[in-house]
Amino acid sequence: METPENILVARAQSGSEDAFAELAKKHSAKIYKYSRRILQNREDAEDNLQNVLLQAFRNINTFQGKSQFSTWLLGIAVNEALMKLRKRRRDKFVPLQDASHFWSPRLSPEVQATRAEMRALLIKQILRLSPLGRNEILRFTMGEKRNTKTQKSRRFRAKSQLREQLSYLFKSRIPQHYPTRQFFFAV
């Protein structure tokens, strides 16, 4: 059954700007309300409303009529609002005068020397591993997560070997289940 909204949608899909303007007018308040609820900010909600209407206008032909038009619009609104939230978190900055509590004090020369010594020792022990084990450890510390069974077992064996080779330094300080990757960055 053809409802007035379905007729407006069909007209908008065939290129009628007036039909789209009517649809936008009808649904703008609801989109704004949802955007305001998600974004917690009037200006961002207004921006989101405009972005949603622009996206809907550009992509009106992708609406297939399997749901109500308002549901489709609200889906766009929620996606746009969540993208704005992600961008807001990513772009968050702290003014320089307020960031002083994030700065750690400079490390003492003794600590720097100890860390350098530990890194050198660790590198020496990594180089003693088999080529396959060495490659797995290096890939793992560089952030490459390879998860085939063979790669996992090579990585486990290499980490166990390293742990065993370095255990004399730490005696009981490194438990068997200690994650080796954190150890690399802690040194």
N, C-alpha and C. Protein backbone atom coordinates (compact mmCIF):
# COMPACT_ATOMS: atom_id res chain seq x y z
N MET A 1 0.85 -1.18 0.00
CA MET A 1 0.00 0.00 0.00
C MET A 1 0.89 1.25 0.00
N GLU A 2 0.59 2.14 -0.87
CA GLU A 2 1.36 3.36 -1.00
C GLU A 2 0.91 4.38 0.04
N THR A 3 1.86 4.75 0.90
CA THR A 3 1.58 5.80 1.88
C THR A 3 2.10 7.12 1.33
N PRO A 4 1.66 8.23 1.89
CA PRO A 4 2.18 9.52 1.41
C PRO A 4 3.71 9.60 1.51
N GLU A 5 4.28 8.98 2.57
CA GLU A 5 5.74 9.02 2.70
C GLU A 5 6.41 8.21 1.60
N ASN A 6 5.85 7.06 1.28
CA ASN A 6 6.42 6.24 0.20
C ASN A 6 6.37 6.98 -1.14
N ILE A 7 5.31 7.73 -1.35
CA ILE A 7 5.18 8.50 -2.58
C ILE A 7 6.25 9.59 -2.61
N LEU A 8 6.46 10.26 -1.46
CA LEU A 8 7.49 11.29 -1.38
C LEU A 8 8.88 10.69 -1.63
N VAL A 9 9.13 9.54 -1.06
CA VAL A 9 10.43 8.87 -1.24
C VAL A 9 10.64 8.54 -2.72
N ALA A 10 9.61 7.99 -3.36
CA ALA A 10 9.72 7.64 -4.78
C ALA A 10 9.98 8.89 -5.62
N ARG A 11 9.29 9.98 -5.29
CA ARG A 11 9.52 11.24 -6.03
C ARG A 11 10.94 11.75 -5.79
N ALA A 12 11.40 11.66 -4.53
CA ALA A 12 12.77 12.12 -4.20
C ALA A 12 13.80 11.27 -4.93
N GLN A 13 13.55 9.97 -5.04
CA GLN A 13 14.48 9.09 -5.74
C GLN A 13 14.51 9.38 -7.24
N SER A 14 13.41 9.91 -7.75
CA SER A 14 13.39 10.25 -9.18
C SER A 14 13.94 11.66 -9.43
N GLY A 15 14.38 12.35 -8.35
CA GLY A 15 15.07 13.62 -8.54
C GLY A 15 14.34 14.85 -8.04
N SER A 16 13.21 14.68 -7.42
CA SER A 16 12.44 15.84 -6.94
C SER A 16 13.04 16.39 -5.66
N GLU A 17 13.60 17.60 -5.74
CA GLU A 17 14.18 18.24 -4.56
C GLU A 17 13.09 18.67 -3.58
N ASP A 18 11.94 19.04 -4.09
CA ASP A 18 10.82 19.44 -3.22
C ASP A 18 10.36 18.27 -2.36
N ALA A 19 10.30 17.09 -2.96
CA ALA A 19 9.88 15.91 -2.20
C ALA A 19 10.89 15.61 -1.10
N PHE A 20 12.17 15.72 -1.43
CA PHE A 20 13.19 15.47 -0.42
C PHE A 20 13.11 16.53 0.69
N ALA A 21 12.87 17.78 0.31
CA ALA A 21 12.76 18.85 1.30
C ALA A 21 11.61 18.57 2.27
N GLU A 22 10.51 18.04 1.74
CA GLU A 22 9.37 17.69 2.61
C GLU A 22 9.75 16.56 3.57
N LEU A 23 10.45 15.56 3.05
CA LEU A 23 10.91 14.45 3.90
C LEU A 23 11.86 14.96 4.98
N ALA A 24 12.76 15.83 4.59
CA ALA A 24 13.73 16.38 5.55
C ALA A 24 13.01 17.18 6.63
N LYS A 25 12.05 17.97 6.24
CA LYS A 25 11.29 18.78 7.19
C LYS A 25 10.54 17.88 8.18
N LYS A 26 10.00 16.80 7.65
CA LYS A 26 9.21 15.87 8.48
C LYS A 26 10.07 15.15 9.53
N HIS A 27 11.33 14.81 9.17
CA HIS A 27 12.16 13.98 10.04
C HIS A 27 13.29 14.72 10.76
N SER A 28 13.47 15.99 10.49
CA SER A 28 14.59 16.74 11.06
C SER A 28 14.57 16.77 12.59
N ALA A 29 13.41 16.97 13.17
CA ALA A 29 13.33 17.07 14.64
C ALA A 29 13.79 15.76 15.30
N LYS A 30 13.36 14.65 14.75
CA LYS A 30 13.73 13.36 15.32
C LYS A 30 15.23 13.09 15.17
N ILE A 31 15.78 13.43 14.00
CA ILE A 31 17.21 13.24 13.77
C ILE A 31 18.00 14.11 14.74
N TYR A 32 17.57 15.36 14.91
CA TYR A 32 18.25 16.28 15.82
C TYR A 32 18.20 15.72 17.25
N LYS A 33 17.05 15.23 17.66
CA LYS A 33 16.89 14.69 19.01
C LYS A 33 17.84 13.51 19.27
N TYR A 34 17.91 12.59 18.32
CA TYR A 34 18.81 11.45 18.47
C TYR A 34 20.27 11.91 18.47
N SER A 35 20.60 12.83 17.58
CA SER A 35 21.97 13.34 17.50
C SER A 35 22.36 14.03 18.80
N ARG A 36 21.45 14.82 19.34
CA ARG A 36 21.73 15.55 20.59
C ARG A 36 21.95 14.58 21.74
N ARG A 37 21.15 13.50 21.75
CA ARG A 37 21.29 12.50 22.80
C ARG A 37 22.65 11.81 22.74
N ILE A 38 23.13 11.52 21.55
CA ILE A 38 24.41 10.83 21.40
C ILE A 38 25.58 11.78 21.61
N LEU A 39 25.50 12.97 21.01
CA LEU A 39 26.65 13.88 21.01
C LEU A 39 26.72 14.79 22.23
N GLN A 40 25.63 14.94 22.95
CA GLN A 40 25.60 15.76 24.17
C GLN A 40 26.01 17.21 23.91
N ASN A 41 25.71 17.71 22.72
CA ASN A 41 26.16 19.05 22.37
C ASN A 41 25.24 19.59 21.28
N ARG A 42 24.69 20.78 21.48
CA ARG A 42 23.73 21.36 20.54
C ARG A 42 24.37 21.61 19.17
N GLU A 43 25.55 22.22 19.16
CA GLU A 43 26.20 22.56 17.89
C GLU A 43 26.55 21.31 17.09
N ASP A 44 27.08 20.31 17.79
CA ASP A 44 27.43 19.06 17.10
C ASP A 44 26.18 18.37 16.57
N ALA A 45 25.08 18.44 17.32
CA ALA A 45 23.83 17.83 16.87
C ALA A 45 23.31 18.54 15.62
N GLU A 46 23.44 19.87 15.58
CA GLU A 46 23.01 20.61 14.39
C GLU A 46 23.88 20.26 13.19
N ASP A 47 25.19 20.16 13.42
CA ASP A 47 26.09 19.75 12.33
C ASP A 47 25.74 18.35 11.85
N ASN A 48 25.46 17.47 12.80
CA ASN A 48 25.13 16.10 12.46
C ASN A 48 23.85 16.04 11.63
N LEU A 49 22.85 16.85 12.00
CA LEU A 49 21.60 16.90 11.25
C LEU A 49 21.88 17.28 9.80
N GLN A 50 22.70 18.28 9.60
CA GLN A 50 23.02 18.69 8.22
C GLN A 50 23.77 17.60 7.47
N ASN A 51 24.74 16.95 8.16
CA ASN A 51 25.48 15.86 7.51
C ASN A 51 24.56 14.71 7.13
N VAL A 52 23.62 14.39 8.01
CA VAL A 52 22.69 13.29 7.74
C VAL A 52 21.82 13.61 6.54
N LEU A 53 21.29 14.83 6.51
CA LEU A 53 20.43 15.20 5.39
C LEU A 53 21.22 15.22 4.07
N LEU A 54 22.46 15.67 4.13
CA LEU A 54 23.30 15.67 2.93
C LEU A 54 23.56 14.24 2.47
N GLN A 55 23.93 13.35 3.42
CA GLN A 55 24.17 11.94 3.08
C GLN A 55 22.90 11.30 2.50
N ALA A 56 21.77 11.59 3.14
CA ALA A 56 20.50 11.02 2.67
C ALA A 56 20.18 11.52 1.26
N PHE A 57 20.40 12.81 1.01
CA PHE A 57 20.12 13.37 -0.32
C PHE A 57 21.00 12.71 -1.37
N ARG A 58 22.28 12.57 -1.04
CA ARG A 58 23.22 11.96 -2.00
C ARG A 58 22.92 10.49 -2.26
N ASN A 59 22.43 9.79 -1.22
CA ASN A 59 22.27 8.34 -1.31
C ASN A 59 20.81 7.89 -1.28
N ILE A 60 19.88 8.77 -1.62
CA ILE A 60 18.46 8.42 -1.56
C ILE A 60 18.13 7.21 -2.44
N ASN A 61 18.89 7.05 -3.52
CA ASN A 61 18.61 5.92 -4.42
C ASN A 61 19.01 4.58 -3.82
N THR A 62 19.81 4.58 -2.74
CA THR A 62 20.18 3.31 -2.10
C THR A 62 19.09 2.84 -1.14
N PHE A 63 18.14 3.71 -0.82
CA PHE A 63 17.03 3.30 0.06
C PHE A 63 16.14 2.33 -0.73
N GLN A 64 15.97 1.12 -0.18
CA GLN A 64 15.26 0.07 -0.91
C GLN A 64 13.83 -0.13 -0.44
N GLY A 65 13.43 0.53 0.62
CA GLY A 65 12.06 0.41 1.09
C GLY A 65 11.80 -0.82 1.94
N LYS A 66 12.85 -1.52 2.36
CA LYS A 66 12.67 -2.70 3.20
C LYS A 66 12.33 -2.32 4.64
N SER A 67 12.65 -1.08 5.00
CA SER A 67 12.29 -0.55 6.31
C SER A 67 11.62 0.79 6.08
N GLN A 68 11.22 1.42 7.15
CA GLN A 68 10.63 2.75 7.01
C GLN A 68 11.75 3.74 6.68
N PHE A 69 11.38 4.79 6.01
CA PHE A 69 12.35 5.81 5.64
C PHE A 69 12.97 6.44 6.88
N SER A 70 12.17 6.63 7.92
CA SER A 70 12.68 7.23 9.16
C SER A 70 13.73 6.34 9.81
N THR A 71 13.58 5.03 9.73
CA THR A 71 14.55 4.09 10.28
C THR A 71 15.87 4.21 9.52
N TRP A 72 15.77 4.31 8.21
CA TRP A 72 16.96 4.47 7.38
C TRP A 72 17.69 5.77 7.74
N LEU A 73 16.93 6.86 7.88
CA LEU A 73 17.53 8.15 8.24
C LEU A 73 18.18 8.09 9.62
N LEU A 74 17.51 7.47 10.58
CA LEU A 74 18.08 7.39 11.93
C LEU A 74 19.34 6.53 11.95
N GLY A 75 19.39 5.51 11.11
CA GLY A 75 20.61 4.72 10.99
C GLY A 75 21.78 5.57 10.52
N ILE A 76 21.52 6.41 9.52
CA ILE A 76 22.54 7.33 9.04
C ILE A 76 22.93 8.29 10.16
N ALA A 77 21.93 8.79 10.89
CA ALA A 77 22.19 9.75 11.97
C ALA A 77 23.07 9.14 13.05
N VAL A 78 22.77 7.93 13.45
CA VAL A 78 23.56 7.27 14.49
C VAL A 78 24.98 7.03 14.01
N ASN A 79 25.14 6.55 12.77
CA ASN A 79 26.49 6.32 12.23
C ASN A 79 27.29 7.61 12.16
N GLU A 80 26.68 8.67 11.67
CA GLU A 80 27.37 9.96 11.57
C GLU A 80 27.76 10.48 12.96
N ALA A 81 26.85 10.33 13.93
CA ALA A 81 27.13 10.80 15.30
C ALA A 81 28.27 10.01 15.92
N LEU A 82 28.28 8.71 15.72
CA LEU A 82 29.36 7.89 16.27
C LEU A 82 30.69 8.21 15.61
N MET A 83 30.67 8.50 14.31
CA MET A 83 31.92 8.90 13.64
C MET A 83 32.42 10.22 14.21
N LYS A 84 31.50 11.13 14.50
CA LYS A 84 31.88 12.42 15.07
C LYS A 84 32.47 12.22 16.47
N LEU A 85 31.89 11.31 17.26
CA LEU A 85 32.43 11.01 18.59
C LEU A 85 33.84 10.44 18.50
N ARG A 86 34.05 9.52 17.57
CA ARG A 86 35.38 8.94 17.39
C ARG A 86 36.39 10.02 17.00
N LYS A 87 35.98 10.89 16.10
CA LYS A 87 36.87 11.97 15.67
C LYS A 87 37.15 12.91 16.84
N ARG A 88 36.14 13.17 17.64
CA ARG A 88 36.32 14.06 18.80
C ARG A 88 37.33 13.46 19.77
N ARG A 89 37.23 12.16 20.02
CA ARG A 89 38.19 11.50 20.92
C ARG A 89 39.59 11.53 20.35
N ARG A 90 39.69 11.30 19.03
CA ARG A 90 40.99 11.26 18.38
C ARG A 90 41.64 12.64 18.36
N ASP A 91 40.83 13.67 18.20
CA ASP A 91 41.37 15.03 18.08
C ASP A 91 41.49 15.75 19.41
N LYS A 92 41.14 15.07 20.48
CA LYS A 92 41.20 15.71 21.79
C LYS A 92 42.65 16.12 22.09
N PHE A 93 42.83 17.31 22.59
CA PHE A 93 44.17 17.76 22.92
C PHE A 93 44.13 18.44 24.28
N VAL A 94 45.27 18.51 24.87
CA VAL A 94 45.41 19.15 26.17
C VAL A 94 46.27 20.39 25.96
N PRO A 95 45.81 21.57 26.41
CA PRO A 95 46.65 22.75 26.28
C PRO A 95 47.99 22.52 26.97
N LEU A 96 49.04 23.11 26.42
CA LEU A 96 50.39 22.86 26.89
C LEU A 96 50.57 23.14 28.38
N GLN A 97 50.01 24.21 28.89
CA GLN A 97 50.21 24.53 30.30
C GLN A 97 49.49 23.52 31.21
N ASP A 98 48.47 22.83 30.68
CA ASP A 98 47.75 21.85 31.48
C ASP A 98 48.32 20.44 31.36
N ALA A 99 49.28 20.23 30.47
CA ALA A 99 49.79 18.90 30.21
C ALA A 99 50.98 18.53 31.09
N SER A 100 51.38 19.39 31.99
CA SER A 100 52.59 19.13 32.76
C SER A 100 52.49 17.86 33.61
N HIS A 101 51.27 17.50 34.03
CA HIS A 101 51.15 16.30 34.85
C HIS A 101 51.36 15.02 34.04
N PHE A 102 51.35 15.11 32.69
CA PHE A 102 51.62 13.94 31.87
C PHE A 102 53.11 13.69 31.69
N TRP A 103 53.92 14.69 31.91
CA TRP A 103 55.35 14.55 31.70
C TRP A 103 55.97 13.79 32.84
N SER A 104 56.77 12.82 32.51
CA SER A 104 57.46 12.09 33.56
C SER A 104 58.80 12.78 33.79
N PRO A 105 59.30 12.69 34.99
CA PRO A 105 60.60 13.31 35.25
C PRO A 105 61.67 12.58 34.43
N ARG A 106 62.72 13.26 34.16
CA ARG A 106 63.81 12.69 33.38
C ARG A 106 64.45 11.55 34.16
N LEU A 107 64.75 10.47 33.45
CA LEU A 107 65.36 9.31 34.11
C LEU A 107 66.78 9.62 34.54
N SER A 108 67.15 9.05 35.64
CA SER A 108 68.51 9.27 36.14
C SER A 108 69.51 8.56 35.22
N PRO A 109 70.76 9.02 35.21
CA PRO A 109 71.78 8.37 34.37
C PRO A 109 71.95 6.89 34.71
N GLU A 110 71.79 6.53 35.99
CA GLU A 110 71.93 5.13 36.38
C GLU A 110 70.85 4.27 35.73
N VAL A 111 69.62 4.77 35.77
CA VAL A 111 68.50 4.02 35.18
C VAL A 111 68.70 3.93 33.67
N GLN A 112 69.11 5.02 33.04
CA GLN A 112 69.36 4.99 31.60
C GLN A 112 70.45 3.99 31.25
N ALA A 113 71.50 3.96 32.04
CA ALA A 113 72.60 3.02 31.78
C ALA A 113 72.13 1.58 31.96
N THR A 114 71.34 1.33 33.00
CA THR A 114 70.83 -0.02 33.26
C THR A 114 69.93 -0.47 32.11
N ARG A 115 69.07 0.42 31.66
CA ARG A 115 68.19 0.07 30.54
C ARG A 115 68.99 -0.22 29.27
N ALA A 116 70.00 0.58 29.02
CA ALA A 116 70.83 0.35 27.83
C ALA A 116 71.54 -1.00 27.94
N GLU A 117 72.03 -1.31 29.13
CA GLU A 117 72.69 -2.60 29.37
C GLU A 117 71.71 -3.76 29.14
N MET A 118 70.51 -3.60 29.66
CA MET A 118 69.49 -4.65 29.51
C MET A 118 69.10 -4.83 28.05
N ARG A 119 68.96 -3.74 27.33
CA ARG A 119 68.63 -3.85 25.90
C ARG A 119 69.73 -4.59 25.15
N ALA A 120 70.96 -4.24 25.43
CA ALA A 120 72.08 -4.90 24.76
C ALA A 120 72.08 -6.40 25.07
N LEU A 121 71.84 -6.75 26.32
CA LEU A 121 71.80 -8.15 26.72
C LEU A 121 70.64 -8.87 26.05
N LEU A 122 69.51 -8.22 26.00
CA LEU A 122 68.34 -8.81 25.37
C LEU A 122 68.58 -9.03 23.88
N ILE A 123 69.16 -8.06 23.21
CA ILE A 123 69.46 -8.20 21.79
C ILE A 123 70.44 -9.36 21.56
N LYS A 124 71.42 -9.45 22.42
CA LYS A 124 72.40 -10.53 22.31
C LYS A 124 71.70 -11.89 22.43
N GLN A 125 70.78 -12.01 23.39
CA GLN A 125 70.07 -13.28 23.58
C GLN A 125 69.12 -13.56 22.42
N ILE A 126 68.50 -12.53 21.87
CA ILE A 126 67.60 -12.74 20.73
C ILE A 126 68.40 -13.25 19.53
N LEU A 127 69.59 -12.71 19.35
CA LEU A 127 70.43 -13.15 18.24
C LEU A 127 70.90 -14.58 18.39
N ARG A 128 70.88 -15.12 19.60
CA ARG A 128 71.26 -16.52 19.83
C ARG A 128 70.14 -17.49 19.48
N LEU A 129 68.93 -16.98 19.34
CA LEU A 129 67.81 -17.86 19.00
C LEU A 129 67.96 -18.38 17.57
N SER A 130 67.20 -19.42 17.25
CA SER A 130 67.19 -19.92 15.88
C SER A 130 66.61 -18.83 14.98
N PRO A 131 66.95 -18.86 13.69
CA PRO A 131 66.42 -17.81 12.80
C PRO A 131 64.90 -17.71 12.81
N LEU A 132 64.22 -18.86 12.84
CA LEU A 132 62.75 -18.83 12.87
C LEU A 132 62.24 -18.21 14.17
N GLY A 133 62.83 -18.61 15.29
CA GLY A 133 62.42 -18.05 16.58
C GLY A 133 62.72 -16.57 16.67
N ARG A 134 63.90 -16.19 16.19
CA ARG A 134 64.29 -14.78 16.21
C ARG A 134 63.30 -13.94 15.39
N ASN A 135 62.95 -14.44 14.19
CA ASN A 135 62.00 -13.72 13.35
C ASN A 135 60.64 -13.58 14.01
N GLU A 136 60.18 -14.65 14.66
CA GLU A 136 58.88 -14.59 15.34
C GLU A 136 58.89 -13.57 16.47
N ILE A 137 59.96 -13.56 17.26
CA ILE A 137 60.06 -12.60 18.37
C ILE A 137 60.10 -11.18 17.82
N LEU A 138 60.89 -10.94 16.80
CA LEU A 138 61.00 -9.59 16.25
C LEU A 138 59.69 -9.14 15.62
N ARG A 139 59.01 -10.03 14.91
CA ARG A 139 57.71 -9.67 14.33
C ARG A 139 56.71 -9.35 15.43
N PHE A 140 56.74 -10.14 16.48
CA PHE A 140 55.81 -9.94 17.59
C PHE A 140 56.06 -8.61 18.28
N THR A 141 57.32 -8.27 18.51
CA THR A 141 57.62 -7.00 19.20
C THR A 141 57.33 -5.81 18.30
N MET A 142 57.33 -6.00 17.00
CA MET A 142 57.01 -4.90 16.09
C MET A 142 55.51 -4.76 15.90
N GLY A 143 54.72 -5.62 16.55
CA GLY A 143 53.27 -5.49 16.50
C GLY A 143 52.59 -6.36 15.47
N GLU A 144 53.34 -7.17 14.74
CA GLU A 144 52.72 -8.03 13.73
C GLU A 144 52.14 -9.25 14.43
N LYS A 145 50.85 -9.41 14.31
CA LYS A 145 50.19 -10.54 14.96
C LYS A 145 49.86 -11.58 13.90
N ARG A 146 50.62 -12.62 13.88
CA ARG A 146 50.39 -13.72 12.95
C ARG A 146 49.88 -14.88 13.77
N ASN A 147 48.81 -15.49 13.35
CA ASN A 147 48.16 -16.42 14.24
C ASN A 147 47.92 -17.81 13.67
N THR A 148 48.77 -18.27 12.79
CA THR A 148 48.62 -19.66 12.39
C THR A 148 49.18 -20.52 13.52
N LYS A 149 48.81 -21.75 13.56
CA LYS A 149 49.26 -22.62 14.65
C LYS A 149 50.78 -22.74 14.66
N THR A 150 51.38 -22.84 13.48
CA THR A 150 52.85 -22.95 13.40
C THR A 150 53.51 -21.71 13.96
N GLN A 151 53.02 -20.55 13.57
CA GLN A 151 53.61 -19.30 14.03
C GLN A 151 53.44 -19.12 15.54
N LYS A 152 52.27 -19.50 16.04
CA LYS A 152 52.04 -19.40 17.49
C LYS A 152 53.00 -20.30 18.26
N SER A 153 53.18 -21.51 17.76
CA SER A 153 54.06 -22.43 18.49
C SER A 153 55.52 -21.98 18.39
N ARG A 154 55.94 -21.46 17.23
CA ARG A 154 57.31 -20.93 17.13
C ARG A 154 57.51 -19.77 18.09
N ARG A 155 56.53 -18.89 18.14
CA ARG A 155 56.63 -17.73 19.03
C ARG A 155 56.69 -18.19 20.49
N PHE A 156 55.87 -19.17 20.84
CA PHE A 156 55.87 -19.67 22.21
C PHE A 156 57.22 -20.29 22.57
N ARG A 157 57.77 -21.11 21.65
CA ARG A 157 59.07 -21.73 21.91
C ARG A 157 60.17 -20.68 22.03
N ALA A 158 60.14 -19.68 21.16
CA ALA A 158 61.16 -18.64 21.20
C ALA A 158 61.06 -17.83 22.49
N LYS A 159 59.86 -17.51 22.91
CA LYS A 159 59.69 -16.75 24.16
C LYS A 159 60.14 -17.58 25.35
N SER A 160 59.83 -18.86 25.32
CA SER A 160 60.26 -19.74 26.41
C SER A 160 61.78 -19.83 26.47
N GLN A 161 62.42 -19.94 25.31
CA GLN A 161 63.88 -19.98 25.25
C GLN A 161 64.48 -18.70 25.81
N LEU A 162 63.93 -17.57 25.39
CA LEU A 162 64.42 -16.29 25.87
C LEU A 162 64.26 -16.18 27.38
N ARG A 163 63.10 -16.59 27.86
CA ARG A 163 62.82 -16.53 29.29
C ARG A 163 63.83 -17.37 30.06
N GLU A 164 64.13 -18.54 29.51
CA GLU A 164 65.10 -19.43 30.16
C GLU A 164 66.50 -18.83 30.12
N GLN A 165 66.89 -18.26 28.98
CA GLN A 165 68.22 -17.67 28.85
C GLN A 165 68.41 -16.48 29.78
N LEU A 166 67.34 -15.74 30.04
CA LEU A 166 67.45 -14.53 30.86
C LEU A 166 67.06 -14.76 32.32
N SER A 167 66.66 -15.95 32.66
CA SER A 167 66.16 -16.20 34.02
C SER A 167 67.24 -16.00 35.08
N TYR A 168 68.50 -16.22 34.72
CA TYR A 168 69.56 -16.04 35.72
C TYR A 168 69.66 -14.59 36.18
N LEU A 169 69.21 -13.65 35.33
CA LEU A 169 69.25 -12.24 35.72
C LEU A 169 68.20 -11.89 36.75
N PHE A 170 67.06 -12.51 36.61
CA PHE A 170 65.93 -12.08 37.41
C PHE A 170 65.51 -13.08 38.48
N LYS A 171 66.11 -14.22 38.47
CA LYS A 171 65.78 -15.30 39.41
C LYS A 171 64.26 -15.47 39.45
N SER A 172 63.60 -15.07 40.52
CA SER A 172 62.16 -15.30 40.65
C SER A 172 61.35 -14.08 40.22
N ARG A 173 61.97 -13.07 39.66
CA ARG A 173 61.22 -11.85 39.31
C ARG A 173 60.39 -12.01 38.04
N ILE A 174 60.74 -12.93 37.14
CA ILE A 174 59.95 -13.13 35.93
C ILE A 174 59.22 -14.46 36.05
N PRO A 175 57.93 -14.43 36.30
CA PRO A 175 57.17 -15.68 36.36
C PRO A 175 57.06 -16.30 34.96
N GLN A 176 56.78 -17.57 34.91
CA GLN A 176 56.72 -18.30 33.65
C GLN A 176 55.67 -17.72 32.71
N HIS A 177 54.59 -17.19 33.25
CA HIS A 177 53.50 -16.69 32.41
C HIS A 177 53.69 -15.22 32.06
N TYR A 178 54.84 -14.62 32.38
CA TYR A 178 55.07 -13.20 32.13
C TYR A 178 55.08 -12.95 30.63
N PRO A 179 54.29 -11.98 30.14
CA PRO A 179 54.24 -11.73 28.70
C PRO A 179 55.55 -11.12 28.21
N THR A 180 56.21 -11.82 27.32
CA THR A 180 57.53 -11.41 26.85
C THR A 180 57.48 -10.07 26.13
N ARG A 181 56.41 -9.79 25.42
CA ARG A 181 56.33 -8.53 24.68
C ARG A 181 56.42 -7.35 25.63
N GLN A 182 55.76 -7.42 26.76
CA GLN A 182 55.84 -6.33 27.73
C GLN A 182 57.25 -6.23 28.29
N PHE A 183 57.91 -7.36 28.42
CA PHE A 183 59.27 -7.36 28.92
C PHE A 183 60.18 -6.58 27.99
N PHE A 184 59.99 -6.75 26.66
CA PHE A 184 60.83 -6.04 25.70
C PHE A 184 60.70 -4.54 25.86
N PHE A 185 59.49 -4.06 26.07
CA PHE A 185 59.28 -2.64 26.15
C PHE A 185 59.59 -2.08 27.52
N ALA A 186 59.59 -2.92 28.53
CA ALA A 186 59.88 -2.46 29.89
C ALA A 186 61.38 -2.26 30.09
N VAL A 187 62.16 -2.94 29.29
CA VAL A 187 63.61 -2.85 29.44
C VAL A 187 64.15 -1.59 28.85
